[in-house]
Each structure stands twice: as structure tokens, then as C-alpha cells.
Amino acid sequence: MKTPIPIRDKKKFIAWFLKNFQLKKRESVWILNYLLNHDSILKNIHFVREARFCPRSMVISTVCSEKVPFRFYKRHIVTTNAEKSFHDLRMNRDEALYIELHFKHAKDDLMYASVLEENPFIPEDYYISEDDKKAASQLLEQTLYLYQKKQLNHKIDAALDAGNKMEFLRLSNKLKELEYKKNQPPLN
């Protein structure tokens, strides 16, 4: 388990963030300032990527980002009403809240990286790219092909050893079909 981010580091980051970026919604500024002044709530705040997967989260964007200005997620409810989320923040101060910030160069920002935590709610296959899926599929197809070919070759050898011409011809045809299918271009 990772060590929690110290409250002082979160405060330092939020103060820096508010000083250096203009937020799309003024209510977002109120929320972040509120967090700065309430350590008891700040201890339950976690900065993450892909906050939409979390049971209770906020997404806040700056004017330099093309993302939505504000979103609040609570279980299966999504709202853009920052005032409702602020109310929820005050009423449920002991619940974990995951915050994702969208701003220019966020992925490369060291200050943001210093408070980012791993999101425990991201599905396991979320980061598998289409190329990864394609490569895995090709590997699976190749492995299956090689296995089937090996099995057929063993059966063909057994048919030859037994002198069973009919079985040899049937299995040889199956092997030809398998190789023919393997050499066909994919239907994409």
C-alpha cells in the first residue's frame, strides 16, 4: 500500500494551482479554497486520473483545457452543478473524494505528479490499447493454429503408421483446410 500524500503537500499544490491557473467555473475556486482551509476534509482528498471511475469524484478544468468545466460523480449520478457538489463535500467530509484536474500540460507537470495517486477504481483493461488487443488476438490465433497443426500432424503420422489410408486422406484434407484458412487475409 502506498504512503498517503501529506496534507501539507496537498495544500502547497492547491495554493500553487489556484495561483497559476484560471478555472472555468468560479465555484471550483471556492471548492479548492475550502479544501485549503479544512485539513479534516483534505485528508480524504485524493488527486487521480480518470476520476469518473471513482464512486465519489470531481473533475475540474482550467480555461486552458478543452475538457468540461466541472463534473461531480457520486455513484451513478453525474452533475455539472458545482454548488450541489460543494454541499455534498461539506455534508460528507469523512468520505473519500477523488479529484481530477484538467489543465495545460497536466501529464507533464511535476507539481501535479507530486500529489497524484493511483486510481484504485480504474478497470484492469482500461489501458489496453487497440494495438495491444490486436497483437493479443494475433498471438492467440497463431498459437491456436500451431496447436491444431501439431495435433493434425500427430494424427496423420498415427494414420500412416496404422496403414489407414482413408483416415490419412481425411486428416490431410483437414490440414490443407487449416493452412488455407491461415493464409487468407483478415476480413477487416
C-alpha atoms as a PDB file:
ATOM      1  CA  MET A   1       0.000   0.000   0.000  1.00  0.00           C
ATOM      2  CA  LYS A   2       1.304   3.426  -0.900  1.00  0.00           C
ATOM      3  CA  THR A   3       2.029   6.108   1.657  1.00  0.00           C
ATOM      4  CA  PRO A   4      -0.722   8.750   1.698  1.00  0.00           C
ATOM      5  CA  ILE A   5       0.120  12.187   0.345  1.00  0.00           C
ATOM      6  CA  PRO A   6       0.734  14.546   3.296  1.00  0.00           C
ATOM      7  CA  ILE A   7      -1.860  17.281   3.821  1.00  0.00           C
ATOM      8  CA  ARG A   8       0.838  19.968   3.635  1.00  0.00           C
ATOM      9  CA  ASP A   9       1.784  18.746   0.132  1.00  0.00           C
ATOM     10  CA  LYS A  10      -1.845  18.855  -0.988  1.00  0.00           C
ATOM     11  CA  LYS A  11      -2.179  22.388   0.421  1.00  0.00           C
ATOM     12  CA  LYS A  12       1.002  23.508  -1.297  1.00  0.00           C
ATOM     13  CA  PHE A  13      -0.215  22.087  -4.593  1.00  0.00           C
ATOM     14  CA  ILE A  14      -3.723  23.587  -4.362  1.00  0.00           C
ATOM     15  CA  ALA A  15      -2.303  27.027  -3.500  1.00  0.00           C
ATOM     16  CA  TRP A  16       0.114  26.784  -6.442  1.00  0.00           C
ATOM     17  CA  PHE A  17      -2.670  25.603  -8.750  1.00  0.00           C
ATOM     18  CA  LEU A  18      -5.019  28.448  -7.787  1.00  0.00           C
ATOM     19  CA  LYS A  19      -2.219  30.975  -8.210  1.00  0.00           C
ATOM     20  CA  ASN A  20      -1.187  29.741 -11.657  1.00  0.00           C
ATOM     21  CA  PHE A  21      -4.441  28.781 -13.366  1.00  0.00           C
ATOM     22  CA  GLN A  22      -7.807  30.342 -14.062  1.00  0.00           C
ATOM     23  CA  LEU A  23     -10.665  27.883 -13.615  1.00  0.00           C
ATOM     24  CA  LYS A  24     -13.638  27.666 -15.943  1.00  0.00           C
ATOM     25  CA  LYS A  25     -16.120  27.793 -13.043  1.00  0.00           C
ATOM     26  CA  ARG A  26     -15.780  30.186 -10.145  1.00  0.00           C
ATOM     27  CA  GLU A  27     -17.374  27.581  -7.861  1.00  0.00           C
ATOM     28  CA  SER A  28     -14.325  25.389  -8.495  1.00  0.00           C
ATOM     29  CA  VAL A  29     -12.182  28.120  -6.945  1.00  0.00           C
ATOM     30  CA  TRP A  30     -14.476  28.169  -3.904  1.00  0.00           C
ATOM     31  CA  ILE A  31     -14.215  24.395  -3.539  1.00  0.00           C
ATOM     32  CA  LEU A  32     -10.416  24.364  -3.752  1.00  0.00           C
ATOM     33  CA  ASN A  33     -10.139  27.295  -1.318  1.00  0.00           C
ATOM     34  CA  TYR A  34     -12.484  25.484   1.050  1.00  0.00           C
ATOM     35  CA  LEU A  35     -10.230  22.422   0.915  1.00  0.00           C
ATOM     36  CA  LEU A  36      -7.190  24.594   1.649  1.00  0.00           C
ATOM     37  CA  ASN A  37      -8.788  25.693   4.904  1.00  0.00           C
ATOM     38  CA  HIS A  38     -10.135  22.337   6.108  1.00  0.00           C
ATOM     39  CA  ASP A  39      -7.462  19.769   6.906  1.00  0.00           C
ATOM     40  CA  SER A  40     -10.069  17.289   8.152  1.00  0.00           C
ATOM     41  CA  ILE A  41     -11.570  17.147   4.656  1.00  0.00           C
ATOM     42  CA  LEU A  42      -8.258  17.429   2.830  1.00  0.00           C
ATOM     43  CA  LYS A  43      -7.040  14.191   4.413  1.00  0.00           C
ATOM     44  CA  ASN A  44      -9.785  12.377   2.443  1.00  0.00           C
ATOM     45  CA  ILE A  45      -8.970  14.089  -0.856  1.00  0.00           C
ATOM     46  CA  HIS A  46      -7.114  12.101  -3.493  1.00  0.00           C
ATOM     47  CA  PHE A  47      -5.854  13.573  -6.756  1.00  0.00           C
ATOM     48  CA  VAL A  48      -6.170  10.975  -9.508  1.00  0.00           C
ATOM     49  CA  ARG A  49      -6.500  10.491 -13.240  1.00  0.00           C
ATOM     50  CA  GLU A  50      -9.751   9.146 -14.719  1.00  0.00           C
ATOM     51  CA  ALA A  51     -11.837  10.225 -11.725  1.00  0.00           C
ATOM     52  CA  ARG A  52     -15.070   9.233 -13.459  1.00  0.00           C
ATOM     53  CA  PHE A  53     -14.444   5.643 -12.369  1.00  0.00           C
ATOM     54  CA  CYS A  54     -14.441   6.601  -8.680  1.00  0.00           C
ATOM     55  CA  PRO A  55     -17.566   6.308  -6.505  1.00  0.00           C
ATOM     56  CA  ARG A  56     -17.335   9.992  -5.471  1.00  0.00           C
ATOM     57  CA  SER A  57     -15.291  12.385  -7.548  1.00  0.00           C
ATOM     58  CA  MET A  58     -14.874  15.794  -9.130  1.00  0.00           C
ATOM     59  CA  VAL A  59     -13.368  16.855 -12.409  1.00  0.00           C
ATOM     60  CA  ILE A  60     -12.231  20.474 -12.526  1.00  0.00           C
ATOM     61  CA  SER A  61     -10.884  22.216 -15.630  1.00  0.00           C
ATOM     62  CA  THR A  62      -8.963  25.389 -16.301  1.00  0.00           C
ATOM     63  CA  VAL A  63      -9.638  27.801 -19.154  1.00  0.00           C
ATOM     64  CA  CYS A  64      -6.565  26.453 -20.969  1.00  0.00           C
ATOM     65  CA  SER A  65      -8.158  22.980 -21.138  1.00  0.00           C
ATOM     66  CA  GLU A  66     -10.692  21.813 -23.690  1.00  0.00           C
ATOM     67  CA  LYS A  67     -12.337  19.481 -21.169  1.00  0.00           C
ATOM     68  CA  VAL A  68     -15.705  20.069 -19.486  1.00  0.00           C
ATOM     69  CA  PRO A  69     -15.582  22.901 -16.905  1.00  0.00           C
ATOM     70  CA  PHE A  70     -16.838  20.831 -13.977  1.00  0.00           C
ATOM     71  CA  ARG A  71     -18.303  17.425 -13.217  1.00  0.00           C
ATOM     72  CA  PHE A  72     -19.257  15.759  -9.958  1.00  0.00           C
ATOM     73  CA  TYR A  73     -19.778  11.996  -9.800  1.00  0.00           C
ATOM     74  CA  LYS A  74     -21.465  10.222  -6.924  1.00  0.00           C
ATOM     75  CA  ARG A  75     -22.075   6.562  -7.552  1.00  0.00           C
ATOM     76  CA  HIS A  76     -24.131   6.596 -10.768  1.00  0.00           C
ATOM     77  CA  ILE A  77     -25.184  10.244 -10.616  1.00  0.00           C
ATOM     78  CA  VAL A  78     -23.329  12.890 -12.608  1.00  0.00           C
ATOM     79  CA  THR A  79     -23.904  16.617 -12.284  1.00  0.00           C
ATOM     80  CA  THR A  80     -22.315  19.804 -13.541  1.00  0.00           C
ATOM     81  CA  ASN A  81     -23.790  21.732 -10.620  1.00  0.00           C
ATOM     82  CA  ALA A  82     -20.779  22.765  -8.534  1.00  0.00           C
ATOM     83  CA  GLU A  83     -22.958  24.122  -5.714  1.00  0.00           C
ATOM     84  CA  LYS A  84     -24.563  20.693  -5.153  1.00  0.00           C
ATOM     85  CA  SER A  85     -21.143  19.073  -5.066  1.00  0.00           C
ATOM     86  CA  PHE A  86     -19.902  21.722  -2.628  1.00  0.00           C
ATOM     87  CA  HIS A  87     -22.862  20.891  -0.371  1.00  0.00           C
ATOM     88  CA  ASP A  88     -22.031  17.175  -0.650  1.00  0.00           C
ATOM     89  CA  LEU A  89     -18.394  17.925   0.188  1.00  0.00           C
ATOM     90  CA  ARG A  90     -19.404  19.704   3.405  1.00  0.00           C
ATOM     91  CA  MET A  91     -22.021  17.125   4.432  1.00  0.00           C
ATOM     92  CA  ASN A  92     -19.866  14.050   3.760  1.00  0.00           C
ATOM     93  CA  ARG A  93     -16.484  15.280   4.929  1.00  0.00           C
ATOM     94  CA  ASP A  94     -15.347  11.833   6.108  1.00  0.00           C
ATOM     95  CA  GLU A  95     -15.884  10.179   2.716  1.00  0.00           C
ATOM     96  CA  ALA A  96     -13.055   9.868   0.219  1.00  0.00           C
ATOM     97  CA  LEU A  97     -13.275  12.309  -2.668  1.00  0.00           C
ATOM     98  CA  TYR A  98     -11.210  11.838  -5.806  1.00  0.00           C
ATOM     99  CA  ILE A  99     -10.315  14.937  -7.811  1.00  0.00           C
ATOM    100  CA  GLU A 100      -9.044  15.097 -11.364  1.00  0.00           C
ATOM    101  CA  LEU A 101      -7.700  18.377 -12.689  1.00  0.00           C
ATOM    102  CA  HIS A 102      -7.514  19.287 -16.362  1.00  0.00           C
ATOM    103  CA  PHE A 103      -5.006  21.955 -17.280  1.00  0.00           C
ATOM    104  CA  LYS A 104      -2.380  22.568 -19.927  1.00  0.00           C
ATOM    105  CA  HIS A 105       0.496  20.073 -19.714  1.00  0.00           C
ATOM    106  CA  ALA A 106      -1.079  18.297 -16.709  1.00  0.00           C
ATOM    107  CA  LYS A 107       0.502  14.986 -17.731  1.00  0.00           C
ATOM    108  CA  ASP A 108       3.984  16.502 -17.562  1.00  0.00           C
ATOM    109  CA  ASP A 109       3.529  18.740 -14.526  1.00  0.00           C
ATOM    110  CA  LEU A 110       5.795  17.849 -11.599  1.00  0.00           C
ATOM    111  CA  MET A 111       3.679  19.685  -9.016  1.00  0.00           C
ATOM    112  CA  TYR A 112       0.609  17.709 -10.054  1.00  0.00           C
ATOM    113  CA  ALA A 113       2.616  14.480 -10.199  1.00  0.00           C
ATOM    114  CA  SER A 114       3.737  15.060  -6.610  1.00  0.00           C
ATOM    115  CA  VAL A 115       0.154  14.749  -5.333  1.00  0.00           C
ATOM    116  CA  LEU A 116      -1.244  12.274  -7.870  1.00  0.00           C
ATOM    117  CA  GLU A 117      -2.235   8.899  -6.519  1.00  0.00           C
ATOM    118  CA  GLU A 118      -3.023   5.700  -8.334  1.00  0.00           C
ATOM    119  CA  ASN A 119      -6.728   5.418  -9.053  1.00  0.00           C
ATOM    120  CA  PRO A 120      -7.888   2.137  -7.449  1.00  0.00           C
ATOM    121  CA  PHE A 121     -11.154   2.152  -9.416  1.00  0.00           C
ATOM    122  CA  ILE A 122      -9.814   2.084 -12.979  1.00  0.00           C
ATOM    123  CA  PRO A 123     -10.836  -1.172 -14.688  1.00  0.00           C
ATOM    124  CA  GLU A 124      -7.928  -3.558 -15.255  1.00  0.00           C
ATOM    125  CA  ASP A 125      -8.246  -3.491 -19.044  1.00  0.00           C
ATOM    126  CA  TYR A 126      -8.672   0.289 -19.329  1.00  0.00           C
ATOM    127  CA  TYR A 127      -5.155   0.969 -20.549  1.00  0.00           C
ATOM    128  CA  ILE A 128      -5.073  -1.811 -23.124  1.00  0.00           C
ATOM    129  CA  SER A 129      -4.782  -0.080 -26.491  1.00  0.00           C
ATOM    130  CA  GLU A 130      -6.331  -1.252 -29.739  1.00  0.00           C
ATOM    131  CA  ASP A 131      -2.842  -2.249 -30.908  1.00  0.00           C
ATOM    132  CA  ASP A 132      -2.413  -4.352 -27.751  1.00  0.00           C
ATOM    133  CA  LYS A 133      -5.781  -6.021 -28.347  1.00  0.00           C
ATOM    134  CA  LYS A 134      -4.879  -6.709 -31.979  1.00  0.00           C
ATOM    135  CA  ALA A 135      -1.467  -8.146 -31.035  1.00  0.00           C
ATOM    136  CA  ALA A 136      -3.043 -10.363 -28.367  1.00  0.00           C
ATOM    137  CA  SER A 137      -5.647 -11.590 -30.839  1.00  0.00           C
ATOM    138  CA  GLN A 138      -2.978 -12.376 -33.452  1.00  0.00           C
ATOM    139  CA  LEU A 139      -0.875 -14.210 -30.881  1.00  0.00           C
ATOM    140  CA  LEU A 140      -3.891 -16.235 -29.793  1.00  0.00           C
ATOM    141  CA  GLU A 141      -4.765 -17.110 -33.404  1.00  0.00           C
ATOM    142  CA  GLN A 142      -1.164 -18.120 -34.173  1.00  0.00           C
ATOM    143  CA  THR A 143      -0.922 -20.243 -31.020  1.00  0.00           C
ATOM    144  CA  LEU A 144      -4.224 -21.956 -31.794  1.00  0.00           C
ATOM    145  CA  TYR A 145      -3.138 -22.581 -35.394  1.00  0.00           C
ATOM    146  CA  LEU A 146       0.185 -24.110 -34.321  1.00  0.00           C
ATOM    147  CA  TYR A 147      -1.549 -26.321 -31.744  1.00  0.00           C
ATOM    148  CA  GLN A 148      -4.151 -27.561 -34.250  1.00  0.00           C
ATOM    149  CA  LYS A 149      -1.464 -28.172 -36.889  1.00  0.00           C
ATOM    150  CA  LYS A 150       0.659 -30.150 -34.427  1.00  0.00           C
ATOM    151  CA  GLN A 151      -2.350 -32.263 -33.382  1.00  0.00           C
ATOM    152  CA  LEU A 152      -3.261 -32.989 -37.004  1.00  0.00           C
ATOM    153  CA  ASN A 153       0.325 -33.928 -37.874  1.00  0.00           C
ATOM    154  CA  HIS A 154       0.405 -36.377 -34.943  1.00  0.00           C
ATOM    155  CA  LYS A 155      -2.887 -37.921 -36.091  1.00  0.00           C
ATOM    156  CA  ILE A 156      -1.643 -38.103 -39.700  1.00  0.00           C
ATOM    157  CA  ASP A 157       1.509 -39.883 -38.518  1.00  0.00           C
ATOM    158  CA  ALA A 158      -0.623 -42.300 -36.489  1.00  0.00           C
ATOM    159  CA  ALA A 159      -2.857 -42.987 -39.529  1.00  0.00           C
ATOM    160  CA  LEU A 160       0.244 -43.676 -41.653  1.00  0.00           C
ATOM    161  CA  ASP A 161       1.693 -45.970 -39.001  1.00  0.00           C
ATOM    162  CA  ALA A 162      -1.617 -47.850 -38.845  1.00  0.00           C
ATOM    163  CA  GLY A 163      -1.850 -48.021 -42.645  1.00  0.00           C
ATOM    164  CA  ASN A 164      -5.259 -46.301 -42.545  1.00  0.00           C
ATOM    165  CA  LYS A 165      -5.392 -44.611 -45.968  1.00  0.00           C
ATOM    166  CA  MET A 166      -8.910 -43.144 -45.521  1.00  0.00           C
ATOM    167  CA  GLU A 167      -8.037 -41.535 -42.177  1.00  0.00           C
ATOM    168  CA  PHE A 168      -4.754 -40.268 -43.641  1.00  0.00           C
ATOM    169  CA  LEU A 169      -6.592 -38.586 -46.564  1.00  0.00           C
ATOM    170  CA  ARG A 170      -9.299 -37.116 -44.293  1.00  0.00           C
ATOM    171  CA  LEU A 171      -6.728 -35.657 -41.869  1.00  0.00           C
ATOM    172  CA  SER A 172      -4.527 -34.423 -44.723  1.00  0.00           C
ATOM    173  CA  ASN A 173      -7.516 -32.534 -46.134  1.00  0.00           C
ATOM    174  CA  LYS A 174      -8.206 -31.040 -42.708  1.00  0.00           C
ATOM    175  CA  LEU A 175      -4.570 -29.911 -42.532  1.00  0.00           C
ATOM    176  CA  LYS A 176      -4.834 -28.327 -46.007  1.00  0.00           C
ATOM    177  CA  GLU A 177      -8.037 -26.506 -44.929  1.00  0.00           C
ATOM    178  CA  LEU A 178      -6.351 -25.261 -41.772  1.00  0.00           C
ATOM    179  CA  GLU A 179      -3.359 -23.949 -43.736  1.00  0.00           C
ATOM    180  CA  TYR A 180      -5.635 -22.390 -46.360  1.00  0.00           C
ATOM    181  CA  LYS A 181      -7.625 -20.532 -43.680  1.00  0.00           C
ATOM    182  CA  LYS A 182      -4.397 -19.391 -42.037  1.00  0.00           C
ATOM    183  CA  ASN A 183      -3.166 -17.860 -45.299  1.00  0.00           C
ATOM    184  CA  GLN A 184      -6.364 -15.935 -46.030  1.00  0.00           C
ATOM    185  CA  PRO A 185      -6.281 -12.148 -45.477  1.00  0.00           C
ATOM    186  CA  PRO A 186      -8.317 -10.928 -42.480  1.00  0.00           C
ATOM    187  CA  LEU A 187     -11.825  -9.593 -43.134  1.00  0.00           C
ATOM    188  CA  ASN A 188     -11.382  -6.051 -41.801  1.00  0.00           C
END
